[in-house]
Amino acid sequence: MPRKVVQGPIRDKEKTKQKLLNAVGKILKTKGYSGLMVSKIAAVAGFDKKLIYEYFGSTDKLIDEYIKSQDYWSRVDEKELNVDLSDGGKEMSKMALLNQYESLRKNKELQKIIVWELSENRPILKKLFEQREEVGESLFTNITDPHFGEKSDEYRAITALLVAGIYHLNLYTAHNGTTFCGIDTKSEDGRKKIEKAIVDIIDFAYQKK
């Protein structure tokens, strides 16, 4: 009779790692970043905390991997945006920023990460910021800078304001209220107005060039 293979955390490493990552998300969503302690993560995942060290090396590395899996800009790839770049990145910019606006609205865990990033100075969060900058620099250098030439920094500044505005509007809507400058940012109509403004600003920047 063939020997029965017992499934467990050691034999099913990837499944166990994913459960540990999911536990980080659950704690972040319900307790915030202050709840991300090794014993709590292990308890929520249902495993011994030694597996965190075995599979990730440390709690910080586990949290780092989770954050990277959630952060919008860390995962952006111009190839995956699947748009024609012959317009100097105009449609790519619209798609990337509109997707960011919608993605952050839906991702409560990412909202917590952004708040954490704004309120604490930690190496893990600095690394996330640097990863975002690397992605952004690649998009600017390879796509929009060649189009704008000497005015490339002007477009970078416009993008900075749009990205910052997207962060702030989503966080404000999620934590403090629904109305911003008289626009109901929780309603479909209100969000469509914000989305239209993003598109109009990008169109203006490209026309100005």
N, C-alpha and C. Protein backbone atom coordinates (compact mmCIF):
# COMPACT_ATOMS: atom_id res chain seq x y z
N MET A 1 0.85 -1.19 0.00
CA MET A 1 0.00 0.00 0.00
C MET A 1 0.89 1.24 0.00
N PRO A 2 0.65 2.18 -0.95
CA PRO A 2 1.51 3.36 -1.01
C PRO A 2 1.39 4.21 0.23
N ARG A 3 2.53 4.77 0.61
CA ARG A 3 2.56 5.60 1.82
C ARG A 3 1.84 6.93 1.57
N LYS A 4 1.00 7.29 2.51
CA LYS A 4 0.24 8.53 2.38
C LYS A 4 1.15 9.73 2.60
N VAL A 5 1.05 10.71 1.69
CA VAL A 5 1.83 11.94 1.82
C VAL A 5 1.04 12.93 2.66
N VAL A 6 1.60 13.32 3.75
CA VAL A 6 0.92 14.26 4.64
C VAL A 6 1.21 15.68 4.20
N GLN A 7 0.15 16.42 3.90
CA GLN A 7 0.31 17.82 3.51
C GLN A 7 0.45 18.68 4.77
N GLY A 8 1.42 19.53 4.80
CA GLY A 8 1.63 20.42 5.93
C GLY A 8 2.41 21.62 5.51
N PRO A 9 2.70 22.52 6.46
CA PRO A 9 3.38 23.77 6.11
C PRO A 9 4.75 23.57 5.49
N ILE A 10 5.47 22.55 5.91
CA ILE A 10 6.81 22.33 5.35
C ILE A 10 6.70 21.80 3.93
N ARG A 11 5.77 20.90 3.68
CA ARG A 11 5.61 20.32 2.35
C ARG A 11 4.95 21.28 1.37
N ASP A 12 4.19 22.20 1.85
CA ASP A 12 3.48 23.11 0.96
C ASP A 12 3.96 24.54 1.21
N LYS A 13 5.20 24.77 0.88
CA LYS A 13 5.87 26.03 1.21
C LYS A 13 5.16 27.25 0.61
N GLU A 14 4.84 27.21 -0.67
CA GLU A 14 4.24 28.38 -1.32
C GLU A 14 2.88 28.72 -0.74
N LYS A 15 2.10 27.69 -0.43
CA LYS A 15 0.78 27.92 0.16
C LYS A 15 0.92 28.54 1.55
N THR A 16 1.90 28.06 2.29
CA THR A 16 2.15 28.60 3.63
C THR A 16 2.62 30.04 3.56
N LYS A 17 3.52 30.33 2.62
CA LYS A 17 4.00 31.70 2.45
C LYS A 17 2.84 32.64 2.11
N GLN A 18 1.95 32.19 1.26
CA GLN A 18 0.82 33.03 0.88
C GLN A 18 -0.11 33.28 2.06
N LYS A 19 -0.29 32.28 2.91
CA LYS A 19 -1.13 32.46 4.09
C LYS A 19 -0.50 33.47 5.05
N LEU A 20 0.81 33.44 5.15
CA LEU A 20 1.51 34.41 6.00
C LEU A 20 1.39 35.81 5.43
N LEU A 21 1.50 35.93 4.11
CA LEU A 21 1.32 37.23 3.45
C LEU A 21 -0.11 37.73 3.64
N ASN A 22 -1.07 36.82 3.50
CA ASN A 22 -2.48 37.19 3.69
C ASN A 22 -2.73 37.65 5.12
N ALA A 23 -2.04 37.03 6.07
CA ALA A 23 -2.20 37.41 7.47
C ALA A 23 -1.73 38.84 7.70
N VAL A 24 -0.66 39.24 7.02
CA VAL A 24 -0.17 40.62 7.11
C VAL A 24 -1.27 41.57 6.63
N GLY A 25 -1.90 41.23 5.52
CA GLY A 25 -2.97 42.06 4.97
C GLY A 25 -4.16 42.17 5.91
N LYS A 26 -4.56 41.04 6.52
CA LYS A 26 -5.70 41.05 7.43
C LYS A 26 -5.43 41.94 8.64
N ILE A 27 -4.23 41.83 9.19
CA ILE A 27 -3.89 42.64 10.37
C ILE A 27 -3.81 44.11 10.00
N LEU A 28 -3.19 44.38 8.86
CA LEU A 28 -3.05 45.77 8.42
C LEU A 28 -4.41 46.42 8.22
N LYS A 29 -5.35 45.65 7.68
CA LYS A 29 -6.68 46.18 7.40
C LYS A 29 -7.50 46.41 8.67
N THR A 30 -7.35 45.53 9.66
CA THR A 30 -8.19 45.61 10.85
C THR A 30 -7.52 46.32 12.03
N LYS A 31 -6.20 46.13 12.19
CA LYS A 31 -5.50 46.69 13.35
C LYS A 31 -4.53 47.81 12.99
N GLY A 32 -4.21 47.92 11.68
CA GLY A 32 -3.21 48.91 11.29
C GLY A 32 -1.80 48.38 11.46
N TYR A 33 -0.82 49.20 11.12
CA TYR A 33 0.56 48.74 11.13
C TYR A 33 1.08 48.43 12.53
N SER A 34 0.46 49.01 13.57
CA SER A 34 0.92 48.74 14.93
C SER A 34 0.68 47.28 15.33
N GLY A 35 -0.21 46.60 14.61
CA GLY A 35 -0.52 45.21 14.94
C GLY A 35 0.38 44.19 14.26
N LEU A 36 1.32 44.66 13.46
CA LEU A 36 2.16 43.75 12.68
C LEU A 36 3.34 43.22 13.51
N MET A 37 3.02 42.40 14.51
CA MET A 37 4.04 41.75 15.34
C MET A 37 4.14 40.29 14.93
N VAL A 38 5.33 39.74 15.08
CA VAL A 38 5.58 38.39 14.58
C VAL A 38 4.61 37.38 15.18
N SER A 39 4.33 37.48 16.47
CA SER A 39 3.43 36.51 17.11
C SER A 39 2.01 36.65 16.59
N LYS A 40 1.60 37.90 16.34
CA LYS A 40 0.24 38.14 15.83
C LYS A 40 0.09 37.63 14.40
N ILE A 41 1.08 37.89 13.57
CA ILE A 41 1.04 37.42 12.18
C ILE A 41 0.95 35.89 12.14
N ALA A 42 1.79 35.25 12.95
CA ALA A 42 1.81 33.79 12.99
C ALA A 42 0.46 33.24 13.46
N ALA A 43 -0.11 33.88 14.47
CA ALA A 43 -1.39 33.42 15.02
C ALA A 43 -2.51 33.54 14.00
N VAL A 44 -2.57 34.66 13.30
CA VAL A 44 -3.61 34.87 12.29
C VAL A 44 -3.45 33.87 11.14
N ALA A 45 -2.20 33.58 10.76
CA ALA A 45 -1.95 32.62 9.68
C ALA A 45 -2.18 31.18 10.14
N GLY A 46 -2.07 30.96 11.46
CA GLY A 46 -2.26 29.61 11.99
C GLY A 46 -1.02 28.75 11.95
N PHE A 47 0.16 29.40 11.98
CA PHE A 47 1.43 28.68 11.93
C PHE A 47 2.34 29.11 13.07
N ASP A 48 3.38 28.32 13.28
CA ASP A 48 4.42 28.69 14.23
C ASP A 48 5.22 29.85 13.65
N LYS A 49 5.60 30.79 14.51
CA LYS A 49 6.32 31.97 14.03
C LYS A 49 7.69 31.64 13.43
N LYS A 50 8.22 30.46 13.75
CA LYS A 50 9.52 30.09 13.19
C LYS A 50 9.47 29.96 11.67
N LEU A 51 8.26 29.71 11.12
CA LEU A 51 8.13 29.60 9.66
C LEU A 51 8.34 30.96 8.98
N ILE A 52 8.03 32.04 9.70
CA ILE A 52 8.27 33.38 9.15
C ILE A 52 9.76 33.57 8.91
N TYR A 53 10.57 33.15 9.89
CA TYR A 53 12.02 33.28 9.76
C TYR A 53 12.56 32.30 8.72
N GLU A 54 11.97 31.12 8.68
CA GLU A 54 12.44 30.10 7.74
C GLU A 54 12.17 30.48 6.29
N TYR A 55 10.99 31.03 6.03
CA TYR A 55 10.59 31.33 4.65
C TYR A 55 10.92 32.75 4.19
N PHE A 56 11.01 33.68 5.14
CA PHE A 56 11.23 35.08 4.75
C PHE A 56 12.50 35.69 5.33
N GLY A 57 13.05 35.07 6.36
CA GLY A 57 14.27 35.58 6.97
C GLY A 57 14.01 36.47 8.17
N SER A 58 12.94 37.27 8.10
CA SER A 58 12.58 38.16 9.21
C SER A 58 11.16 38.67 9.00
N THR A 59 10.60 39.25 10.05
CA THR A 59 9.26 39.84 9.94
C THR A 59 9.27 40.99 8.96
N ASP A 60 10.32 41.82 9.01
CA ASP A 60 10.41 42.96 8.10
C ASP A 60 10.41 42.52 6.64
N LYS A 61 11.10 41.42 6.35
CA LYS A 61 11.16 40.94 4.97
C LYS A 61 9.81 40.38 4.53
N LEU A 62 9.08 39.78 5.46
CA LEU A 62 7.72 39.31 5.16
C LEU A 62 6.83 40.50 4.84
N ILE A 63 6.89 41.53 5.69
CA ILE A 63 6.07 42.73 5.48
C ILE A 63 6.49 43.42 4.18
N ASP A 64 7.79 43.45 3.92
CA ASP A 64 8.30 44.07 2.69
C ASP A 64 7.73 43.39 1.46
N GLU A 65 7.70 42.06 1.47
CA GLU A 65 7.16 41.31 0.32
C GLU A 65 5.66 41.58 0.16
N TYR A 66 4.95 41.67 1.28
CA TYR A 66 3.52 41.97 1.20
C TYR A 66 3.29 43.35 0.62
N ILE A 67 4.03 44.34 1.11
CA ILE A 67 3.86 45.71 0.63
C ILE A 67 4.11 45.79 -0.87
N LYS A 68 5.16 45.15 -1.34
CA LYS A 68 5.47 45.17 -2.78
C LYS A 68 4.35 44.55 -3.60
N SER A 69 3.69 43.55 -3.04
CA SER A 69 2.60 42.89 -3.77
C SER A 69 1.37 43.77 -3.87
N GLN A 70 1.26 44.77 -2.99
CA GLN A 70 0.08 45.63 -2.96
C GLN A 70 0.29 46.97 -3.65
N ASP A 71 1.51 47.48 -3.61
CA ASP A 71 1.77 48.84 -4.09
C ASP A 71 1.58 48.96 -5.59
N TYR A 72 0.77 49.91 -6.01
CA TYR A 72 0.43 50.05 -7.43
C TYR A 72 1.65 50.35 -8.29
N TRP A 73 2.41 51.38 -7.92
CA TRP A 73 3.52 51.81 -8.78
C TRP A 73 4.67 50.82 -8.82
N SER A 74 4.80 50.00 -7.77
CA SER A 74 5.86 48.99 -7.78
C SER A 74 5.58 47.90 -8.80
N ARG A 75 4.31 47.80 -9.24
CA ARG A 75 3.93 46.72 -10.17
C ARG A 75 3.64 47.22 -11.58
N VAL A 76 3.75 48.54 -11.81
CA VAL A 76 3.45 49.08 -13.13
C VAL A 76 4.55 48.73 -14.12
N ASP A 77 4.15 48.28 -15.28
CA ASP A 77 5.07 47.97 -16.37
C ASP A 77 4.44 48.51 -17.66
N GLU A 78 5.22 49.34 -18.38
CA GLU A 78 4.64 49.94 -19.59
C GLU A 78 4.17 48.90 -20.60
N LYS A 79 4.78 47.72 -20.60
CA LYS A 79 4.37 46.66 -21.53
C LYS A 79 2.98 46.16 -21.17
N GLU A 80 2.70 46.06 -19.86
CA GLU A 80 1.41 45.55 -19.42
C GLU A 80 0.29 46.57 -19.62
N LEU A 81 0.64 47.86 -19.74
CA LEU A 81 -0.39 48.87 -19.97
C LEU A 81 -1.00 48.73 -21.37
N ASN A 82 -0.21 48.15 -22.28
CA ASN A 82 -0.70 47.78 -23.61
C ASN A 82 -1.35 48.96 -24.34
N VAL A 83 -0.59 50.07 -24.47
CA VAL A 83 -1.07 51.23 -25.21
C VAL A 83 -0.01 51.66 -26.23
N ASP A 84 -0.47 52.35 -27.25
CA ASP A 84 0.41 52.88 -28.28
C ASP A 84 1.19 54.05 -27.69
N LEU A 85 2.52 53.99 -27.77
CA LEU A 85 3.36 55.03 -27.17
C LEU A 85 3.80 56.08 -28.19
N SER A 86 3.25 56.02 -29.39
CA SER A 86 3.65 56.98 -30.43
C SER A 86 3.18 58.40 -30.12
N ASP A 87 2.27 58.55 -29.15
CA ASP A 87 1.78 59.88 -28.77
C ASP A 87 2.63 60.49 -27.66
N GLY A 88 3.80 59.90 -27.39
CA GLY A 88 4.69 60.44 -26.37
C GLY A 88 4.28 60.08 -24.96
N GLY A 89 3.42 59.09 -24.83
CA GLY A 89 3.01 58.62 -23.51
C GLY A 89 1.75 59.24 -22.96
N LYS A 90 1.02 59.98 -23.79
CA LYS A 90 -0.20 60.64 -23.30
C LYS A 90 -1.24 59.62 -22.83
N GLU A 91 -1.57 58.65 -23.68
CA GLU A 91 -2.58 57.67 -23.30
C GLU A 91 -2.07 56.77 -22.18
N MET A 92 -0.76 56.47 -22.19
CA MET A 92 -0.18 55.68 -21.11
C MET A 92 -0.33 56.40 -19.78
N SER A 93 -0.07 57.71 -19.78
CA SER A 93 -0.19 58.51 -18.55
C SER A 93 -1.62 58.48 -18.03
N LYS A 94 -2.57 58.66 -18.94
CA LYS A 94 -3.98 58.63 -18.54
C LYS A 94 -4.33 57.28 -17.92
N MET A 95 -3.96 56.21 -18.60
CA MET A 95 -4.31 54.88 -18.13
C MET A 95 -3.67 54.58 -16.78
N ALA A 96 -2.38 54.92 -16.65
CA ALA A 96 -1.66 54.63 -15.42
C ALA A 96 -2.27 55.38 -14.23
N LEU A 97 -2.58 56.66 -14.41
CA LEU A 97 -3.10 57.46 -13.32
C LEU A 97 -4.56 57.11 -13.00
N LEU A 98 -5.36 56.85 -14.01
CA LEU A 98 -6.74 56.44 -13.76
C LEU A 98 -6.79 55.09 -13.06
N ASN A 99 -5.91 54.19 -13.47
CA ASN A 99 -5.84 52.88 -12.82
C ASN A 99 -5.39 53.02 -11.37
N GLN A 100 -4.45 53.94 -11.12
CA GLN A 100 -4.00 54.16 -9.76
C GLN A 100 -5.14 54.69 -8.89
N TYR A 101 -5.89 55.63 -9.43
CA TYR A 101 -7.01 56.23 -8.71
C TYR A 101 -8.03 55.16 -8.30
N GLU A 102 -8.36 54.28 -9.22
CA GLU A 102 -9.34 53.22 -8.95
C GLU A 102 -8.75 52.14 -8.05
N SER A 103 -7.50 51.78 -8.28
CA SER A 103 -6.85 50.73 -7.50
C SER A 103 -6.76 51.10 -6.03
N LEU A 104 -6.38 52.34 -5.75
CA LEU A 104 -6.24 52.77 -4.37
C LEU A 104 -7.61 52.85 -3.68
N ARG A 105 -8.65 53.20 -4.42
CA ARG A 105 -10.00 53.24 -3.84
C ARG A 105 -10.41 51.87 -3.33
N LYS A 106 -10.09 50.83 -4.08
CA LYS A 106 -10.52 49.49 -3.73
C LYS A 106 -9.62 48.80 -2.71
N ASN A 107 -8.37 49.20 -2.66
CA ASN A 107 -7.39 48.47 -1.84
C ASN A 107 -7.22 49.13 -0.47
N LYS A 108 -7.97 48.65 0.50
CA LYS A 108 -7.93 49.22 1.85
C LYS A 108 -6.57 48.99 2.51
N GLU A 109 -5.95 47.85 2.20
CA GLU A 109 -4.65 47.56 2.76
C GLU A 109 -3.60 48.56 2.26
N LEU A 110 -3.67 48.89 0.97
CA LEU A 110 -2.73 49.86 0.41
C LEU A 110 -2.96 51.24 1.02
N GLN A 111 -4.20 51.58 1.30
CA GLN A 111 -4.48 52.84 1.98
C GLN A 111 -3.77 52.89 3.33
N LYS A 112 -3.81 51.78 4.07
CA LYS A 112 -3.12 51.71 5.36
C LYS A 112 -1.61 51.85 5.18
N ILE A 113 -1.09 51.25 4.11
CA ILE A 113 0.35 51.34 3.85
C ILE A 113 0.75 52.78 3.58
N ILE A 114 -0.05 53.51 2.80
CA ILE A 114 0.26 54.90 2.48
C ILE A 114 0.26 55.75 3.75
N VAL A 115 -0.75 55.54 4.61
CA VAL A 115 -0.81 56.28 5.88
C VAL A 115 0.42 55.95 6.73
N TRP A 116 0.79 54.69 6.76
CA TRP A 116 1.97 54.23 7.50
C TRP A 116 3.23 54.93 6.95
N GLU A 117 3.31 54.98 5.65
CA GLU A 117 4.47 55.60 5.00
C GLU A 117 4.58 57.09 5.35
N LEU A 118 3.43 57.76 5.48
CA LEU A 118 3.41 59.19 5.78
C LEU A 118 3.69 59.48 7.25
N SER A 119 3.48 58.49 8.11
CA SER A 119 3.57 58.75 9.55
C SER A 119 4.81 58.17 10.23
N GLU A 120 5.54 57.30 9.55
CA GLU A 120 6.71 56.69 10.17
C GLU A 120 7.88 56.67 9.21
N ASN A 121 9.08 56.76 9.77
CA ASN A 121 10.31 56.67 8.99
C ASN A 121 10.94 55.31 9.24
N ARG A 122 10.67 54.37 8.36
CA ARG A 122 11.19 53.02 8.51
C ARG A 122 11.89 52.59 7.23
N PRO A 123 12.98 51.83 7.34
CA PRO A 123 13.71 51.39 6.14
C PRO A 123 12.83 50.66 5.14
N ILE A 124 11.89 49.85 5.64
CA ILE A 124 11.03 49.09 4.75
C ILE A 124 10.16 50.01 3.90
N LEU A 125 9.75 51.15 4.46
CA LEU A 125 8.91 52.09 3.74
C LEU A 125 9.74 52.98 2.82
N LYS A 126 10.96 53.29 3.23
CA LYS A 126 11.87 54.04 2.36
C LYS A 126 12.19 53.23 1.11
N LYS A 127 12.36 51.93 1.30
CA LYS A 127 12.64 51.04 0.17
C LYS A 127 11.47 51.02 -0.80
N LEU A 128 10.26 51.04 -0.28
CA LEU A 128 9.07 51.07 -1.14
C LEU A 128 9.06 52.35 -1.96
N PHE A 129 9.35 53.48 -1.31
CA PHE A 129 9.39 54.76 -2.02
C PHE A 129 10.43 54.72 -3.13
N GLU A 130 11.59 54.15 -2.84
CA GLU A 130 12.66 54.06 -3.84
C GLU A 130 12.24 53.19 -5.02
N GLN A 131 11.51 52.12 -4.75
CA GLN A 131 11.03 51.25 -5.82
C GLN A 131 10.04 51.98 -6.71
N ARG A 132 9.16 52.78 -6.10
CA ARG A 132 8.22 53.59 -6.88
C ARG A 132 8.97 54.56 -7.78
N GLU A 133 9.98 55.20 -7.22
CA GLU A 133 10.75 56.17 -7.97
C GLU A 133 11.49 55.52 -9.15
N GLU A 134 11.96 54.30 -8.95
CA GLU A 134 12.64 53.58 -10.03
C GLU A 134 11.68 53.32 -11.19
N VAL A 135 10.46 52.90 -10.86
CA VAL A 135 9.45 52.64 -11.89
C VAL A 135 9.11 53.94 -12.61
N GLY A 136 8.87 55.00 -11.83
CA GLY A 136 8.53 56.28 -12.43
C GLY A 136 9.65 56.82 -13.30
N GLU A 137 10.88 56.68 -12.82
CA GLU A 137 12.03 57.18 -13.60
C GLU A 137 12.14 56.47 -14.93
N SER A 138 11.86 55.17 -14.94
CA SER A 138 11.91 54.41 -16.18
C SER A 138 10.86 54.91 -17.17
N LEU A 139 9.65 55.16 -16.68
CA LEU A 139 8.58 55.65 -17.55
C LEU A 139 8.89 57.06 -18.07
N PHE A 140 9.40 57.92 -17.20
CA PHE A 140 9.75 59.28 -17.63
C PHE A 140 10.89 59.25 -18.65
N THR A 141 11.97 58.58 -18.28
CA THR A 141 13.18 58.59 -19.11
C THR A 141 12.94 57.98 -20.49
N ASN A 142 12.21 56.88 -20.53
CA ASN A 142 12.05 56.15 -21.79
C ASN A 142 10.88 56.63 -22.65
N ILE A 143 9.90 57.30 -22.03
CA ILE A 143 8.68 57.61 -22.78
C ILE A 143 8.36 59.11 -22.82
N THR A 144 8.12 59.72 -21.66
CA THR A 144 7.63 61.11 -21.70
C THR A 144 8.74 62.15 -21.85
N ASP A 145 9.91 61.91 -21.27
CA ASP A 145 11.02 62.89 -21.39
C ASP A 145 11.40 63.15 -22.85
N PRO A 146 11.56 62.11 -23.67
CA PRO A 146 11.91 62.36 -25.08
C PRO A 146 10.84 63.19 -25.80
N HIS A 147 9.59 63.02 -25.42
CA HIS A 147 8.50 63.78 -26.06
C HIS A 147 8.54 65.25 -25.65
N PHE A 148 8.74 65.51 -24.36
CA PHE A 148 8.69 66.89 -23.87
C PHE A 148 10.02 67.63 -23.98
N GLY A 149 11.11 66.89 -24.14
CA GLY A 149 12.40 67.54 -24.32
C GLY A 149 12.77 68.46 -23.17
N GLU A 150 13.03 69.73 -23.46
CA GLU A 150 13.45 70.68 -22.44
C GLU A 150 12.35 70.96 -21.41
N LYS A 151 11.13 70.63 -21.74
CA LYS A 151 10.01 70.86 -20.81
C LYS A 151 9.64 69.58 -20.04
N SER A 152 10.54 68.60 -20.07
CA SER A 152 10.21 67.33 -19.41
C SER A 152 10.00 67.49 -17.91
N ASP A 153 10.75 68.38 -17.27
CA ASP A 153 10.58 68.58 -15.83
C ASP A 153 9.22 69.20 -15.52
N GLU A 154 8.69 70.00 -16.44
CA GLU A 154 7.36 70.58 -16.24
C GLU A 154 6.29 69.48 -16.21
N TYR A 155 6.45 68.49 -17.10
CA TYR A 155 5.48 67.40 -17.11
C TYR A 155 5.66 66.52 -15.88
N ARG A 156 6.89 66.32 -15.44
CA ARG A 156 7.13 65.55 -14.22
C ARG A 156 6.45 66.22 -13.02
N ALA A 157 6.51 67.56 -12.98
CA ALA A 157 5.88 68.30 -11.88
C ALA A 157 4.36 68.13 -11.91
N ILE A 158 3.78 68.17 -13.10
CA ILE A 158 2.34 67.96 -13.24
C ILE A 158 1.95 66.56 -12.78
N THR A 159 2.76 65.58 -13.16
CA THR A 159 2.49 64.20 -12.75
C THR A 159 2.60 64.05 -11.24
N ALA A 160 3.58 64.72 -10.64
CA ALA A 160 3.75 64.66 -9.19
C ALA A 160 2.50 65.17 -8.47
N LEU A 161 1.95 66.27 -8.96
CA LEU A 161 0.74 66.83 -8.35
C LEU A 161 -0.45 65.89 -8.54
N LEU A 162 -0.56 65.27 -9.70
CA LEU A 162 -1.67 64.34 -9.95
C LEU A 162 -1.57 63.11 -9.05
N VAL A 163 -0.38 62.54 -8.94
CA VAL A 163 -0.19 61.35 -8.10
C VAL A 163 -0.49 61.70 -6.64
N ALA A 164 0.05 62.84 -6.17
CA ALA A 164 -0.19 63.25 -4.78
C ALA A 164 -1.67 63.51 -4.54
N GLY A 165 -2.35 64.12 -5.51
CA GLY A 165 -3.77 64.38 -5.38
C GLY A 165 -4.58 63.10 -5.32
N ILE A 166 -4.19 62.12 -6.11
CA ILE A 166 -4.88 60.82 -6.11
C ILE A 166 -4.74 60.16 -4.74
N TYR A 167 -3.53 60.19 -4.18
CA TYR A 167 -3.33 59.64 -2.84
C TYR A 167 -4.22 60.35 -1.83
N HIS A 168 -4.17 61.67 -1.82
CA HIS A 168 -4.88 62.44 -0.80
C HIS A 168 -6.40 62.28 -0.91
N LEU A 169 -6.93 62.36 -2.12
CA LEU A 169 -8.37 62.24 -2.29
C LEU A 169 -8.89 60.89 -1.83
N ASN A 170 -8.16 59.83 -2.16
CA ASN A 170 -8.59 58.50 -1.74
C ASN A 170 -8.51 58.31 -0.23
N LEU A 171 -7.42 58.80 0.36
CA LEU A 171 -7.27 58.66 1.82
C LEU A 171 -8.29 59.51 2.56
N TYR A 172 -8.53 60.71 2.06
CA TYR A 172 -9.52 61.59 2.69
C TYR A 172 -10.90 60.97 2.61
N THR A 173 -11.24 60.46 1.44
CA THR A 173 -12.56 59.84 1.25
C THR A 173 -12.73 58.62 2.15
N ALA A 174 -11.68 57.83 2.27
CA ALA A 174 -11.78 56.59 3.06
C ALA A 174 -11.85 56.84 4.56
N HIS A 175 -11.20 57.91 5.03
CA HIS A 175 -11.05 58.08 6.48
C HIS A 175 -11.80 59.27 7.08
N ASN A 176 -12.10 60.29 6.29
CA ASN A 176 -12.63 61.52 6.89
C ASN A 176 -13.99 61.98 6.37
N GLY A 177 -14.31 61.72 5.16
CA GLY A 177 -15.58 62.24 4.66
C GLY A 177 -15.78 61.97 3.19
N THR A 178 -16.85 62.52 2.65
CA THR A 178 -17.18 62.23 1.27
C THR A 178 -17.07 63.45 0.35
N THR A 179 -17.08 64.65 0.93
CA THR A 179 -17.12 65.84 0.09
C THR A 179 -15.78 66.57 0.11
N PHE A 180 -15.26 66.86 -1.06
CA PHE A 180 -13.99 67.59 -1.18
C PHE A 180 -14.18 68.64 -2.28
N CYS A 181 -14.03 69.91 -1.91
CA CYS A 181 -14.29 71.01 -2.84
C CYS A 181 -15.70 70.91 -3.43
N GLY A 182 -16.63 70.45 -2.61
CA GLY A 182 -18.02 70.35 -3.04
C GLY A 182 -18.34 69.15 -3.90
N ILE A 183 -17.37 68.27 -4.12
CA ILE A 183 -17.58 67.07 -4.94
C ILE A 183 -17.69 65.86 -4.03
N ASP A 184 -18.75 65.09 -4.22
CA ASP A 184 -18.94 63.86 -3.45
C ASP A 184 -18.02 62.79 -4.03
N THR A 185 -16.88 62.59 -3.41
CA THR A 185 -15.86 61.69 -3.96
C THR A 185 -16.18 60.21 -3.73
N LYS A 186 -17.28 59.93 -3.00
CA LYS A 186 -17.69 58.53 -2.84
C LYS A 186 -18.73 58.13 -3.87
N SER A 187 -19.33 59.11 -4.52
CA SER A 187 -20.35 58.81 -5.51
C SER A 187 -19.71 58.53 -6.87
N GLU A 188 -20.40 57.76 -7.69
CA GLU A 188 -19.89 57.46 -9.03
C GLU A 188 -19.75 58.74 -9.86
N ASP A 189 -20.72 59.63 -9.73
CA ASP A 189 -20.66 60.89 -10.47
C ASP A 189 -19.46 61.74 -10.04
N GLY A 190 -19.22 61.79 -8.74
CA GLY A 190 -18.10 62.57 -8.23
C GLY A 190 -16.76 62.02 -8.69
N ARG A 191 -16.63 60.70 -8.66
CA ARG A 191 -15.36 60.10 -9.08
C ARG A 191 -15.15 60.27 -10.58
N LYS A 192 -16.21 60.23 -11.34
CA LYS A 192 -16.08 60.45 -12.79
C LYS A 192 -15.60 61.87 -13.07
N LYS A 193 -16.04 62.83 -12.25
CA LYS A 193 -15.57 64.20 -12.42
C LYS A 193 -14.08 64.31 -12.13
N ILE A 194 -13.62 63.60 -11.10
CA ILE A 194 -12.18 63.58 -10.79
C ILE A 194 -11.40 62.92 -11.91
N GLU A 195 -11.91 61.81 -12.41
CA GLU A 195 -11.25 61.11 -13.52
C GLU A 195 -11.17 61.99 -14.76
N LYS A 196 -12.24 62.72 -15.04
CA LYS A 196 -12.24 63.63 -16.20
C LYS A 196 -11.19 64.73 -16.00
N ALA A 197 -11.07 65.22 -14.77
CA ALA A 197 -10.09 66.26 -14.49
C ALA A 197 -8.67 65.75 -14.72
N ILE A 198 -8.39 64.50 -14.34
CA ILE A 198 -7.08 63.91 -14.57
C ILE A 198 -6.78 63.87 -16.07
N VAL A 199 -7.75 63.39 -16.83
CA VAL A 199 -7.58 63.32 -18.29
C VAL A 199 -7.40 64.70 -18.89
N ASP A 200 -8.19 65.67 -18.46
CA ASP A 200 -8.11 67.04 -19.00
C ASP A 200 -6.75 67.67 -18.70
N ILE A 201 -6.23 67.44 -17.51
CA ILE A 201 -4.92 68.01 -17.15
C ILE A 201 -3.81 67.42 -18.01
N ILE A 202 -3.88 66.11 -18.23
CA ILE A 202 -2.86 65.47 -19.09
C ILE A 202 -2.99 65.98 -20.52
N ASP A 203 -4.21 66.09 -21.04
CA ASP A 203 -4.42 66.64 -22.38
C ASP A 203 -3.86 68.06 -22.48
N PHE A 204 -4.10 68.87 -21.46
CA PHE A 204 -3.61 70.24 -21.44
C PHE A 204 -2.08 70.26 -21.48
N ALA A 205 -1.46 69.39 -20.70
CA ALA A 205 0.00 69.35 -20.67
C ALA A 205 0.59 69.02 -22.04
N TYR A 206 -0.04 68.08 -22.73
CA TYR A 206 0.46 67.67 -24.05
C TYR A 206 0.15 68.74 -25.10
N GLN A 207 -0.96 69.42 -24.97
CA GLN A 207 -1.27 70.51 -25.90
C GLN A 207 -0.31 71.68 -25.70
N LYS A 208 0.01 71.96 -24.44
CA LYS A 208 0.89 73.06 -24.10
C LYS A 208 2.28 72.85 -24.68
N LYS A 209 2.70 71.60 -24.72
CA LYS A 209 4.03 71.26 -25.23
C LYS A 209 4.17 71.72 -26.68
